[in-house]
Amino acid sequence: ISEQESTYIFSNIEDLYSIHQDISKSLDTRFLTSNDEDCWRMCIGDIFIKLSESLNKYTAYVDNQAQQNQCVGTCGQRKNFVNALCRGVTEFDTKDLVVVQFNSYLITPVQRMCKYPLLLRELIRFTDDDHEDKPVLEDALAQIQAATMQVNERKKEFESYVKMLELQNNLEHLPRSFQLITPSRVFIREAVMDKISKGKTQERHFFLFSDLILYASKSVLKSSKMQMKGKIPLDRLLVRDIMDNESLKNAFELVRMDHKKKKYIICAATPTEKNLWVQDIGDRVLYYLEVEKRKSQAAEMSKSKVSTEPQAAFSDKAIDNNDDQESVEEVIKEEVEDESKETEGRNQTGSIDLTSAINEQMQVVQKITKQISLLKDQTETLPEGEREAHEATIQALEEELTSIAGAIKSL
């Protein structure tokens, strides 16, 4: 690689190495100059204070990550670069994954920095309250946490990028028109779950990103590879919890409201895993609904400059939507209050459990009513075909509210 490429890839890595080398030498010197009998009196907080004052050098390394990623991707297409890595590093034994493994090495300095707060917390936990070093260690922790906060966010972004890079190398049958790695896409979570299709259970590896869900199956010929089976965009999606029954456990349903209008039933391994997926998908769906709402409002405001009538109609519609939402919430609230009165005679433990269950259901109610409100705001501005899909979604959500009301009443 050229000298410029070396700078892009490694940035100021030698400065970072020097920081940790100095810390290691300082700790060794402190331990070697202390008697075994007095080692418990030894103070090392000042060493970590010094470390915190040097962590600003990480800023240059973190800010360089975009150029680093681009340069590694370009160099990774050259055979001599890949061959050099495979020869020089014993851990890089698979040419197909050498670029992914190299990226994992490049994030190690940032990961090291983010581990210092964990180390200091453990030191503080095992330091006596009357030890003179305890307040110094606590001060060092505060300073290092402040320095690592921003770096930690960038670390998550880079780890997301490395994950997508690894997935891109492991996935077969990716459509040519589909670009997995994009600047705005963020990896959220993954899990092996069962997908119910036409009555048949299929094991699939699901990947949740900020804008879509991708699912794949194991490759028959290559154990390290997966075959992409499909992708589900999140901008026109409805996610619904499915109560456990004899045939389905830990299941939830995804309903596509775009032109495909497909439904997916997915079964997680555990209730916790299901809840995490439903929560994360629901959050992203709400995000896209908010985006669409703002677009609709911006369009209406633009129209109002020409005529005030469309804006007035839009406002009336918004008022109707709010009335609908409030009426649904009032019905649920009344049923919850009635049920609360009936439970006054129960024992304390039962009351706590019931209250917790009702609170959980009310959180679901609030989320669904927000979805209904956002969807209704959009409906009037959509073409006829898309409007029907939105109305069907609204109806399905309102039916789910009715079902939840019944569930609350039966508690």
Foldseek 3Di string as FASTA:
>chain_A
DDPVLVCLQCPVVVLLVVLVVVLVVVVVVQVVPDDPVCPLLGADLVSLLVSLVSLVVCVRLLVSVVSNVVSLVVLLVDPVSLVCQVVPDVVQPDSLCNSLVSLVVSLVSLVVLVCVLVVLVVVLVPRDPPRPNNVSSVVSSVSSCVSSVVSVVSSQQSVQQSVQVLQVSQEPPDDPVDDSDDPPKGWDDKAWWWKQDPNDTDTWIWTDILFKIWIWAADPPDRSHTYTDDMGTLLFKDKAFDDDDPVADLWIKIFGLPPVRDMIIIHHPDVVVSVVVSVSSLVSNLVSLVVLLVVLVVVQVVVVVVPVVSVVVLVVLLVVLVVVLVVLVVLLVVLLVVVLVVCPPPDPVVSVVLVVVSVVLVVVSVSLSSVLSSLSSNLVVDPPVSNVSSVVVSVVSVVVSVVSSVVNNVD
